Amino acid sequence: MNQNHNRMPIFERLQQFTYKDPISFHVPGHKNGEIFPKHVRSYFDSILKLDMTELHGLDDLHAPTEMIAEAEGLAADFFGSDHTFFLVGGSTAGNLAMVLAACSPGEKIIVQRNCHKSVMNGLELSGAKPVFIAPNYDEAVDRYTSPSLSTLEEALQKHSDAKAIVLTYPDYFGRTYPIKAMIDLAHSYNIPVLVDEAHGVHFALGKPFPASALRLGADAVVQSAHKMAPAMTMASYLHIKSKLISKERIAHYLQIIQSSSPSYPLMASLDIARFFLAKLESNDIERILRSVNEVRTILDKCEAWNVLPIEVQDDPLKITLHVKQSYSVQDVTRLFEEENLYPELTTHNQLLLIHGLEPFNKQTQLQKIVKRVGEQLKIELNHDTIEIAKLFPEAIQELALSYQEMQARSYRRVPFGEGIEHIAAEAVIAYPPGIPIILKGERITTAHLATTRQLRNQGVRIQQRESGIKIYRK
């Protein structure tokens, strides 16, 4: 059935509600924006009028029958799912719900090793027994990307009783891989494939963007609408198209994980994001791609870095600057930020810039910034390099302790160097992109230590509250 994608049911109903000039004897406490500090009110005024609660006629995210149900139905139609859930807790909520719905304590689940920390948290909450498959090191982009089909096949042969497979597609930098072959292989074992597609909401637009994992047969797919579409931060989708994963179990865990007072502005922005994507036409995409090429050409005029070619950057909206060895990524980032240009992500040797779904209109300003940054950079001779190509030596790996065993053990904090050969009682995570260098329950190696130290020295942020590392007592 053809749906009317000119509609924005949630936004339209909220807008109509504000026209009534309603009197609030209900939550939230800002009372339609009337109770708010005056000196900051102008920044929030228009959005506060939409910040409602589950009043009559405004539906309920956890049991939708009206405007939210209609909006989710429009999203399902556009993205091609059997059902789409609106998420107000980010892709994190979707990843947690997928894992919890797929497996119970002690059951096996095959997981891509370089997945987001939210997947790891889902594994711990579920009590499942993860089997990790390592990604390959891709020399073309100088980083870990995805596991190989042969690695997945080997894991399935050894663990054919796995309840699900969790993959990440694309990676943070927009790199994709032949995921359809992996999905087909998993389905030959009657095992569902759950995909963290946080950075691929715009893949639903079709060529020249890569195909969405949902279109390629994945059973459940999570997308961060706020990353590439015009949605508010934390606004995300969870799509289901499968007979192998239960919609009812997903809905059950979303009720547990997500707030019982979900944000109406966030839900409205999901409605608007779908509307925006559905209205983009081929000539709009062409204008965006021309803009991407213009930006890439400007960035390519600095000798301190190479702009990775589109041929190794599958999502054309992602632009990766590979900083040359004689320069410091930390210095490049600092100089950009001093010019009020903020990259999305900095690693030990790369910066990620994300072009939006509109033509960029500050080319002259960008040209001046690139020129000034290039002039200010100073060559640092004998600059340290980081060897990360051997970080995941085992293609298939299990944790040294089960989550149930971890709960029963005490731990202590030691200096990082003293943790080698011990089992980590906490994850060590570089953020962004939020991928654990060391897993909770994993045995710590010298490669872990060297990589973590060098990333810190390069200015990459490691998510730890205290120095050292927690290890389990024997």
Protein backbone atom coordinates (compact mmCIF):
# COMPACT_ATOMS: atom_id res chain seq x y z
CA MET A 1 0.00 0.00 0.00
CA ASN A 2 1.38 3.39 -0.99
CA GLN A 3 1.78 5.64 2.04
CA ASN A 4 1.53 9.42 2.06
CA HIS A 5 5.05 10.50 2.97
CA ASN A 6 4.01 14.15 2.94
CA ARG A 7 2.52 13.47 6.38
CA MET A 8 4.34 14.01 9.70
CA PRO A 9 1.71 12.63 12.10
CA ILE A 10 3.51 13.28 15.38
CA PHE A 11 4.71 16.76 14.55
CA GLU A 12 1.35 17.74 13.02
CA ARG A 13 -0.64 16.56 16.06
CA LEU A 14 1.71 18.34 18.47
CA GLN A 15 1.53 21.49 16.36
CA GLN A 16 -2.27 21.38 16.39
CA PHE A 17 -2.21 20.89 20.14
CA THR A 18 -0.13 24.05 20.68
CA TYR A 19 -2.64 26.08 18.64
CA LYS A 20 -5.21 25.45 21.38
CA ASP A 21 -3.08 27.44 23.85
CA PRO A 22 -3.58 24.61 26.39
CA ILE A 23 -3.61 25.13 30.15
CA SER A 24 -1.17 22.75 31.82
CA PHE A 25 -2.11 21.01 35.06
CA HIS A 26 0.22 18.12 34.13
CA VAL A 27 3.90 17.37 33.73
CA PRO A 28 6.47 18.40 32.51
CA GLY A 29 7.25 21.08 35.05
CA HIS A 30 8.11 23.81 32.55
CA LYS A 31 4.35 24.10 31.84
CA ASN A 32 4.55 24.46 28.04
CA GLY A 33 7.59 26.69 28.47
CA GLU A 34 5.98 29.16 30.88
CA ILE A 35 8.28 28.22 33.77
CA PHE A 36 11.81 28.66 32.48
CA PRO A 37 14.75 30.99 33.20
CA LYS A 38 14.12 34.10 31.11
CA HIS A 39 17.72 34.61 29.99
CA VAL A 40 17.85 31.21 28.26
CA ARG A 41 14.20 30.87 27.28
CA SER A 42 14.71 32.16 23.75
CA TYR A 43 16.91 29.14 22.96
CA PHE A 44 14.23 26.65 24.06
CA ASP A 45 10.96 28.49 23.55
CA SER A 46 9.68 26.85 20.37
CA ILE A 47 10.69 23.31 21.34
CA LEU A 48 9.19 23.48 24.85
CA LYS A 49 5.71 23.89 23.36
CA LEU A 50 6.14 20.45 21.75
CA ASP A 51 7.52 18.83 24.90
CA MET A 52 4.33 17.07 25.99
CA THR A 53 3.38 13.96 27.90
CA GLU A 54 0.92 11.11 27.22
CA LEU A 55 -2.21 13.25 27.20
CA HIS A 56 -5.45 12.13 25.54
CA GLY A 57 -4.89 12.21 21.78
CA LEU A 58 -1.08 12.23 22.00
CA ASP A 59 -0.65 8.44 22.03
CA ASP A 60 1.84 6.28 23.99
CA LEU A 61 5.19 5.13 22.59
CA HIS A 62 5.00 1.82 24.47
CA ALA A 63 1.48 0.96 23.25
CA PRO A 64 0.91 3.17 20.20
CA THR A 65 -2.48 3.21 18.48
CA GLU A 66 -2.72 6.74 17.07
CA MET A 67 -0.18 9.28 15.81
CA ILE A 68 2.91 7.35 16.94
CA ALA A 69 1.58 4.15 15.37
CA GLU A 70 0.93 6.05 12.13
CA ALA A 71 4.42 7.59 12.17
CA GLU A 72 6.07 4.21 12.81
CA GLY A 73 4.00 2.76 9.98
CA LEU A 74 5.21 5.45 7.59
CA ALA A 75 8.80 4.74 8.64
CA ALA A 76 8.32 0.99 8.11
CA ASP A 77 6.97 1.70 4.63
CA PHE A 78 9.87 3.98 3.69
CA PHE A 79 12.66 1.81 5.09
CA GLY A 80 11.09 -1.47 3.96
CA SER A 81 10.60 -3.20 7.32
CA ASP A 82 7.78 -5.31 8.72
CA HIS A 83 7.77 -2.99 11.73
CA THR A 84 9.78 0.03 12.86
CA PHE A 85 10.16 1.07 16.48
CA PHE A 86 10.93 4.67 17.40
CA LEU A 87 13.82 4.90 19.88
CA VAL A 88 14.40 7.83 22.22
CA GLY A 89 17.44 6.27 23.90
CA GLY A 90 19.68 6.21 20.86
CA SER A 91 20.90 3.16 18.98
CA THR A 92 22.13 2.00 22.38
CA ALA A 93 18.54 1.17 23.36
CA GLY A 94 18.02 -0.72 20.11
CA ASN A 95 21.23 -2.73 20.43
CA LEU A 96 20.38 -3.68 24.01
CA ALA A 97 16.85 -4.74 23.05
CA MET A 98 18.04 -6.81 20.06
CA VAL A 99 20.57 -8.75 22.12
CA LEU A 100 18.20 -9.30 25.06
CA ALA A 101 15.43 -10.48 22.73
CA ALA A 102 17.71 -12.88 20.87
CA CYS A 103 19.33 -14.87 23.65
CA SER A 104 19.01 -15.96 27.26
CA PRO A 105 21.67 -16.58 29.94
CA GLY A 106 24.27 -19.12 28.85
CA GLU A 107 23.19 -19.18 25.21
CA LYS A 108 25.77 -18.50 22.51
CA ILE A 109 25.76 -15.44 20.29
CA ILE A 110 28.34 -14.67 17.60
CA VAL A 111 29.51 -11.05 17.76
CA GLN A 112 31.79 -8.91 15.62
CA ARG A 113 34.71 -8.05 17.93
CA ASN A 114 34.94 -4.36 16.98
CA CYS A 115 31.31 -3.59 17.77
CA HIS A 116 29.98 -0.68 19.81
CA LYS A 117 30.12 -0.85 23.61
CA SER A 118 26.31 -0.94 23.78
CA VAL A 119 26.38 -4.41 22.19
CA MET A 120 28.86 -5.53 24.87
CA ASN A 121 26.59 -4.10 27.55
CA GLY A 122 23.69 -6.05 26.04
CA LEU A 123 25.73 -9.24 26.22
CA GLU A 124 26.46 -8.66 29.89
CA LEU A 125 22.83 -7.86 30.71
CA SER A 126 21.61 -10.95 28.87
CA GLY A 127 24.17 -13.27 30.45
CA ALA A 128 24.80 -14.76 27.02
CA LYS A 129 28.00 -16.54 26.04
CA PRO A 130 29.60 -14.46 23.28
CA VAL A 131 31.81 -15.88 20.57
CA PHE A 132 33.77 -13.01 19.04
CA ILE A 133 34.88 -12.94 15.42
CA ALA A 134 37.80 -10.62 14.74
CA PRO A 135 37.74 -8.01 11.99
CA ASN A 136 40.36 -8.00 9.28
CA TYR A 137 42.97 -5.27 9.16
CA ASP A 138 42.34 -3.32 5.96
CA GLU A 139 45.60 -1.84 4.72
CA ALA A 140 43.77 0.33 2.18
CA VAL A 141 42.29 2.39 5.01
CA ASP A 142 44.85 1.50 7.73
CA ARG A 143 42.35 0.25 10.30
CA TYR A 144 40.23 -2.72 11.29
CA THR A 145 37.00 -2.93 9.33
CA SER A 146 34.93 -6.14 9.19
CA PRO A 147 35.28 -9.90 9.70
CA SER A 148 35.70 -12.10 6.65
CA LEU A 149 33.05 -14.50 5.42
CA SER A 150 35.44 -17.39 6.04
CA THR A 151 35.86 -16.36 9.69
CA LEU A 152 32.08 -16.29 10.15
CA GLU A 153 31.75 -19.64 8.40
CA GLU A 154 34.35 -21.19 10.72
CA ALA A 155 32.56 -19.75 13.76
CA LEU A 156 29.21 -21.15 12.58
CA GLN A 157 30.71 -24.59 11.98
CA LYS A 158 32.05 -24.61 15.56
CA HIS A 159 29.02 -22.91 17.13
CA SER A 160 26.00 -23.84 15.03
CA ASP A 161 23.86 -23.60 18.18
CA ALA A 162 24.33 -19.81 18.35
CA LYS A 163 21.07 -17.92 18.80
CA ALA A 164 22.05 -14.86 16.73
CA ILE A 165 24.86 -13.04 14.95
CA VAL A 166 25.60 -9.37 15.65
CA LEU A 167 27.37 -7.35 12.95
CA THR A 168 28.28 -3.68 12.49
CA TYR A 169 27.59 -2.15 9.06
CA PRO A 170 28.94 0.28 8.02
CA ASP A 171 31.83 1.11 10.34
CA TYR A 172 32.16 4.59 11.82
CA PHE A 173 34.00 5.77 8.70
CA GLY A 174 31.29 4.55 6.32
CA ARG A 175 33.19 1.45 5.16
CA THR A 176 30.91 -1.42 4.11
CA TYR A 177 31.51 -5.04 3.13
CA PRO A 178 29.63 -7.91 1.43
CA ILE A 179 27.22 -8.38 4.32
CA LYS A 180 24.57 -10.11 2.19
CA ALA A 181 26.76 -13.21 1.87
CA MET A 182 27.06 -13.31 5.67
CA ILE A 183 23.31 -12.89 6.11
CA ASP A 184 22.60 -15.68 3.63
CA LEU A 185 25.14 -17.93 5.37
CA ALA A 186 23.56 -17.28 8.78
CA HIS A 187 20.09 -17.98 7.41
CA SER A 188 21.28 -21.33 6.07
CA TYR A 189 21.78 -22.22 9.75
CA ASN A 190 18.39 -20.66 10.61
CA ILE A 191 20.17 -18.03 12.72
CA PRO A 192 19.01 -14.38 12.70
CA VAL A 193 21.38 -11.50 11.90
CA LEU A 194 21.19 -8.35 14.03
CA VAL A 195 22.89 -5.29 12.57
CA ASP A 196 24.11 -2.11 14.22
CA GLU A 197 23.68 0.23 11.25
CA ALA A 198 23.95 3.38 13.34
CA HIS A 199 25.71 5.29 10.58
CA GLY A 200 23.57 4.09 7.68
CA VAL A 201 20.10 5.62 8.01
CA HIS A 202 20.57 7.36 4.65
CA PHE A 203 21.36 4.06 2.92
CA ALA A 204 17.60 3.76 2.45
CA LEU A 205 17.98 6.39 -0.29
CA GLY A 206 19.58 3.80 -2.57
CA LYS A 207 22.39 4.43 -5.05
CA PRO A 208 24.92 5.99 -4.96
CA PHE A 209 24.80 5.10 -1.26
CA PRO A 210 25.45 1.50 -0.21
CA ALA A 211 22.47 -0.80 0.26
CA SER A 212 20.99 -0.98 3.74
CA ALA A 213 21.45 -4.24 5.63
CA LEU A 214 17.67 -4.33 5.98
CA ARG A 215 17.26 -4.43 2.19
CA LEU A 216 19.93 -7.15 2.05
CA GLY A 217 18.00 -9.48 4.34
CA ALA A 218 19.07 -8.67 7.90
CA ASP A 219 16.49 -9.62 10.54
CA ALA A 220 16.78 -6.59 12.81
CA VAL A 221 18.59 -3.31 12.09
CA VAL A 222 19.23 -0.32 14.34
CA GLN A 223 19.87 3.11 12.80
CA SER A 224 20.81 6.37 14.49
CA ALA A 225 18.58 8.84 12.67
CA HIS A 226 20.42 11.68 14.38
CA LYS A 227 23.80 10.78 12.87
CA MET A 228 23.07 11.42 9.19
CA ALA A 229 19.43 12.55 8.97
CA PRO A 230 17.94 15.74 10.50
CA ALA A 231 16.81 14.20 13.79
CA MET A 232 17.64 15.26 17.33
CA THR A 233 20.42 13.54 19.26
CA MET A 234 19.34 10.10 20.60
CA ALA A 235 16.52 9.76 18.06
CA SER A 236 16.90 6.34 16.38
CA TYR A 237 15.02 3.56 14.60
CA LEU A 238 14.86 -0.19 15.14
CA HIS A 239 13.60 -2.07 12.08
CA ILE A 240 12.43 -5.70 12.05
CA LYS A 241 11.93 -7.82 8.96
CA SER A 242 12.11 -11.44 10.01
CA LYS A 243 10.43 -14.62 11.14
CA LEU A 244 13.52 -15.50 13.19
CA ILE A 245 13.31 -12.70 15.76
CA SER A 246 10.24 -11.87 17.84
CA LYS A 247 8.74 -8.41 17.49
CA GLU A 248 6.95 -8.98 20.80
CA ARG A 249 10.22 -9.71 22.64
CA ILE A 250 11.82 -6.62 21.13
CA ALA A 251 8.85 -4.50 22.25
CA HIS A 252 9.01 -6.06 25.73
CA TYR A 253 12.65 -5.14 26.25
CA LEU A 254 12.22 -1.67 24.78
CA GLN A 255 9.58 -1.04 27.45
CA ILE A 256 12.15 -2.05 30.08
CA ILE A 257 15.08 -0.12 28.62
CA GLN A 258 13.42 3.08 27.47
CA SER A 259 11.88 5.78 29.62
CA SER A 260 8.20 5.57 30.51
CA SER A 261 8.16 9.32 29.78
CA PRO A 262 9.62 9.43 26.27
CA SER A 263 10.51 12.75 24.67
CA TYR A 264 7.89 14.00 22.22
CA PRO A 265 10.36 16.37 20.50
CA LEU A 266 12.63 13.37 19.85
CA MET A 267 9.75 11.32 18.45
CA ALA A 268 8.62 14.24 16.30
CA SER A 269 12.15 14.58 14.93
CA LEU A 270 12.09 10.91 13.90
CA ASP A 271 8.86 11.63 12.06
CA ILE A 272 10.49 14.65 10.40
CA ALA A 273 13.68 12.73 9.52
CA ARG A 274 11.67 10.10 7.63
CA PHE A 275 9.74 12.87 5.86
CA PHE A 276 13.00 14.58 4.90
CA LEU A 277 14.58 11.41 3.50
CA ALA A 278 11.43 10.44 1.62
CA LYS A 279 11.27 13.84 -0.06
CA LEU A 280 14.86 13.83 -1.35
CA GLU A 281 14.97 13.44 -5.11
CA SER A 282 17.75 12.39 -7.50
CA ASN A 283 18.63 16.00 -8.37
CA ASP A 284 18.98 16.75 -4.63
CA ILE A 285 21.41 13.84 -4.26
CA GLU A 286 23.40 15.02 -7.28
CA ARG A 287 23.78 18.49 -5.76
CA ILE A 288 24.94 16.97 -2.47
CA LEU A 289 27.53 14.79 -4.21
CA ARG A 290 28.86 17.74 -6.19
CA SER A 291 29.29 19.55 -2.90
CA VAL A 292 31.12 16.55 -1.42
CA ASN A 293 33.58 16.62 -4.32
CA GLU A 294 34.14 20.36 -3.86
CA VAL A 295 34.87 19.89 -0.15
CA ARG A 296 37.23 16.97 -0.85
CA THR A 297 39.10 19.07 -3.43
CA ILE A 298 39.57 21.92 -0.92
CA LEU A 299 40.77 19.54 1.82
CA ASP A 300 43.19 17.84 -0.56
CA LYS A 301 45.24 21.04 -0.91
CA CYS A 302 47.12 20.53 2.38
CA GLU A 303 50.32 18.46 2.37
CA ALA A 304 49.88 17.32 5.98
CA TRP A 305 47.31 14.66 5.08
CA ASN A 306 45.86 12.56 2.30
CA VAL A 307 42.14 12.51 1.64
CA LEU A 308 41.25 8.83 1.34
CA PRO A 309 39.75 8.20 -2.11
CA ILE A 310 36.05 7.52 -2.46
CA GLU A 311 36.92 4.06 -3.80
CA VAL A 312 37.92 2.99 -0.26
CA GLN A 313 35.28 5.12 1.45
CA ASP A 314 31.96 3.49 0.58
CA ASP A 315 29.72 6.18 2.06
CA PRO A 316 30.44 9.30 -0.02
CA LEU A 317 29.32 11.56 2.85
CA LYS A 318 32.24 10.41 5.00
CA ILE A 319 35.56 12.18 4.33
CA THR A 320 38.66 10.71 5.99
CA LEU A 321 41.90 12.64 6.35
CA HIS A 322 44.86 10.28 6.76
CA VAL A 323 47.51 12.36 8.52
CA LYS A 324 51.04 11.78 7.25
CA GLN A 325 53.51 10.18 9.62
CA SER A 326 55.61 13.31 10.13
CA TYR A 327 52.64 15.26 11.48
CA SER A 328 50.67 14.98 14.70
CA VAL A 329 46.98 14.17 14.49
CA GLN A 330 46.56 15.92 17.81
CA ASP A 331 48.05 19.12 16.37
CA VAL A 332 45.88 18.94 13.27
CA THR A 333 42.75 18.52 15.38
CA ARG A 334 43.72 21.35 17.73
CA LEU A 335 44.37 23.74 14.86
CA PHE A 336 41.05 22.87 13.23
CA GLU A 337 39.21 23.48 16.49
CA GLU A 338 40.98 26.82 16.96
CA GLU A 339 39.40 27.73 13.63
CA ASN A 340 36.00 26.53 14.95
CA LEU A 341 36.00 23.51 12.64
CA TYR A 342 35.18 20.36 14.61
CA PRO A 343 35.85 16.88 13.15
CA GLU A 344 33.50 14.05 14.08
CA LEU A 345 36.27 11.68 15.14
CA THR A 346 40.03 11.61 15.68
CA THR A 347 42.04 8.39 15.82
CA HIS A 348 45.79 7.89 16.15
CA ASN A 349 46.29 8.69 12.45
CA GLN A 350 42.99 9.82 10.91
CA LEU A 351 40.31 12.50 11.17
CA LEU A 352 36.75 11.88 10.08
CA LEU A 353 34.64 14.68 8.64
CA ILE A 354 30.97 14.13 7.86
CA HIS A 355 29.24 15.98 5.03
CA GLY A 356 25.53 16.52 5.60
CA LEU A 357 22.55 15.79 3.37
CA GLU A 358 22.60 19.35 2.07
CA PRO A 359 25.19 21.12 -0.10
CA PHE A 360 27.97 22.74 1.95
CA ASN A 361 27.87 26.53 1.59
CA LYS A 362 31.06 27.73 3.31
CA GLN A 363 33.66 26.78 0.72
CA THR A 364 35.54 30.10 0.91
CA GLN A 365 35.79 29.87 4.69
CA LEU A 366 36.97 26.25 4.46
CA GLN A 367 39.66 27.18 1.93
CA LYS A 368 41.04 29.80 4.32
CA ILE A 369 40.98 27.37 7.25
CA VAL A 370 42.82 24.64 5.33
CA LYS A 371 45.45 27.14 4.21
CA ARG A 372 45.99 28.52 7.74
CA VAL A 373 46.18 25.06 9.31
CA GLY A 374 48.70 23.95 6.70
CA GLU A 375 50.86 27.01 7.35
CA GLN A 376 50.83 26.53 11.13
CA LEU A 377 51.61 22.83 11.24
CA LYS A 378 55.14 22.03 12.27
CA ILE A 379 56.81 18.79 11.22
CA GLU A 380 57.61 16.54 14.17
CA LEU A 381 60.51 14.30 13.24
CA ASN A 382 60.62 10.74 14.55
CA HIS A 383 56.94 10.95 15.32
CA ASP A 384 55.67 7.84 17.09
CA THR A 385 53.67 5.36 15.07
CA ILE A 386 51.13 2.94 16.48
CA GLU A 387 51.14 -0.70 15.53
CA ILE A 388 47.54 -1.89 15.74
CA ALA A 389 47.52 -4.51 12.99
CA LYS A 390 48.05 -7.29 15.56
CA LEU A 391 45.55 -6.12 18.17
CA PHE A 392 43.14 -9.02 17.46
CA PRO A 393 45.45 -12.03 16.87
CA GLU A 394 42.69 -14.66 17.26
CA ALA A 395 40.08 -14.87 14.51
CA ILE A 396 37.55 -16.51 16.86
CA GLN A 397 37.64 -15.72 20.54
CA GLU A 398 35.63 -16.37 23.69
CA LEU A 399 35.88 -14.54 26.99
CA ALA A 400 38.14 -15.95 29.69
CA LEU A 401 35.22 -15.81 32.15
CA SER A 402 31.48 -16.02 31.65
CA TYR A 403 29.36 -13.09 32.81
CA GLN A 404 28.00 -15.29 35.59
CA GLU A 405 31.55 -16.06 36.77
CA MET A 406 32.43 -12.37 36.65
CA GLN A 407 29.53 -11.52 38.94
CA ALA A 408 30.83 -13.99 41.52
CA ARG A 409 34.41 -12.66 41.55
CA SER A 410 35.91 -9.69 43.35
CA TYR A 411 38.35 -7.37 41.65
CA ARG A 412 41.12 -4.87 42.39
CA ARG A 413 42.58 -1.89 40.56
CA VAL A 414 46.23 -2.06 39.54
CA PRO A 415 48.56 0.08 37.41
CA PHE A 416 47.93 -0.72 33.76
CA GLY A 417 51.29 -2.46 33.26
CA GLU A 418 50.60 -4.89 36.10
CA GLY A 419 47.38 -6.04 34.45
CA ILE A 420 49.06 -8.05 31.67
CA GLU A 421 47.97 -11.72 31.66
CA HIS A 422 45.20 -10.93 34.14
CA ILE A 423 41.49 -10.84 33.26
CA ALA A 424 40.02 -7.36 32.85
CA ALA A 425 37.14 -6.49 35.18
CA GLU A 426 36.21 -3.45 33.06
CA ALA A 427 36.26 -2.53 29.41
CA VAL A 428 38.79 -0.06 28.04
CA ILE A 429 37.06 1.98 25.34
CA ALA A 430 38.28 4.63 22.90
CA TYR A 431 35.46 7.14 22.42
CA PRO A 432 34.53 7.92 19.79
CA PRO A 433 33.99 5.47 18.14
CA GLY A 434 33.03 3.56 21.31
CA ILE A 435 34.72 0.28 20.36
CA PRO A 436 36.41 -1.57 23.27
CA ILE A 437 40.16 -2.08 23.00
CA ILE A 438 39.91 -4.47 25.94
CA LEU A 439 36.72 -6.36 26.78
CA LYS A 440 35.45 -6.97 30.26
CA GLY A 441 36.29 -10.64 30.84
CA GLU A 442 39.16 -10.65 28.34
CA ARG A 443 42.76 -11.53 29.23
CA ILE A 444 44.97 -8.43 28.95
CA THR A 445 47.91 -8.63 26.54
CA THR A 446 51.01 -6.53 25.89
CA ALA A 447 49.41 -5.43 22.59
CA HIS A 448 46.43 -4.06 24.53
CA LEU A 449 48.77 -2.13 26.82
CA ALA A 450 50.89 -0.68 24.00
CA THR A 451 47.88 0.37 21.93
CA THR A 452 46.11 2.02 24.86
CA ARG A 453 49.20 3.96 25.94
CA GLN A 454 49.94 5.19 22.45
CA LEU A 455 46.34 6.20 21.81
CA ARG A 456 46.41 8.24 25.02
CA ASN A 457 49.66 9.88 23.94
CA GLN A 458 48.04 10.81 20.63
CA GLY A 459 45.19 12.54 22.45
CA VAL A 460 42.53 9.88 21.77
CA ARG A 461 40.03 9.88 24.63
CA ILE A 462 39.80 6.64 26.63
CA GLN A 463 36.59 6.21 28.62
CA GLN A 464 37.85 5.46 32.12
CA ARG A 465 37.01 7.26 35.33
CA GLU A 466 40.24 6.32 37.10
CA SER A 467 43.81 5.49 36.17
CA GLY A 468 45.02 1.90 35.98
CA ILE A 469 42.68 -0.99 35.28
CA LYS A 470 40.41 -3.29 37.25
CA ILE A 471 41.39 -6.98 37.19
CA TYR A 472 39.61 -9.97 38.69
CA ARG A 473 41.15 -11.72 41.65
CA LYS A 474 42.15 -15.32 41.04
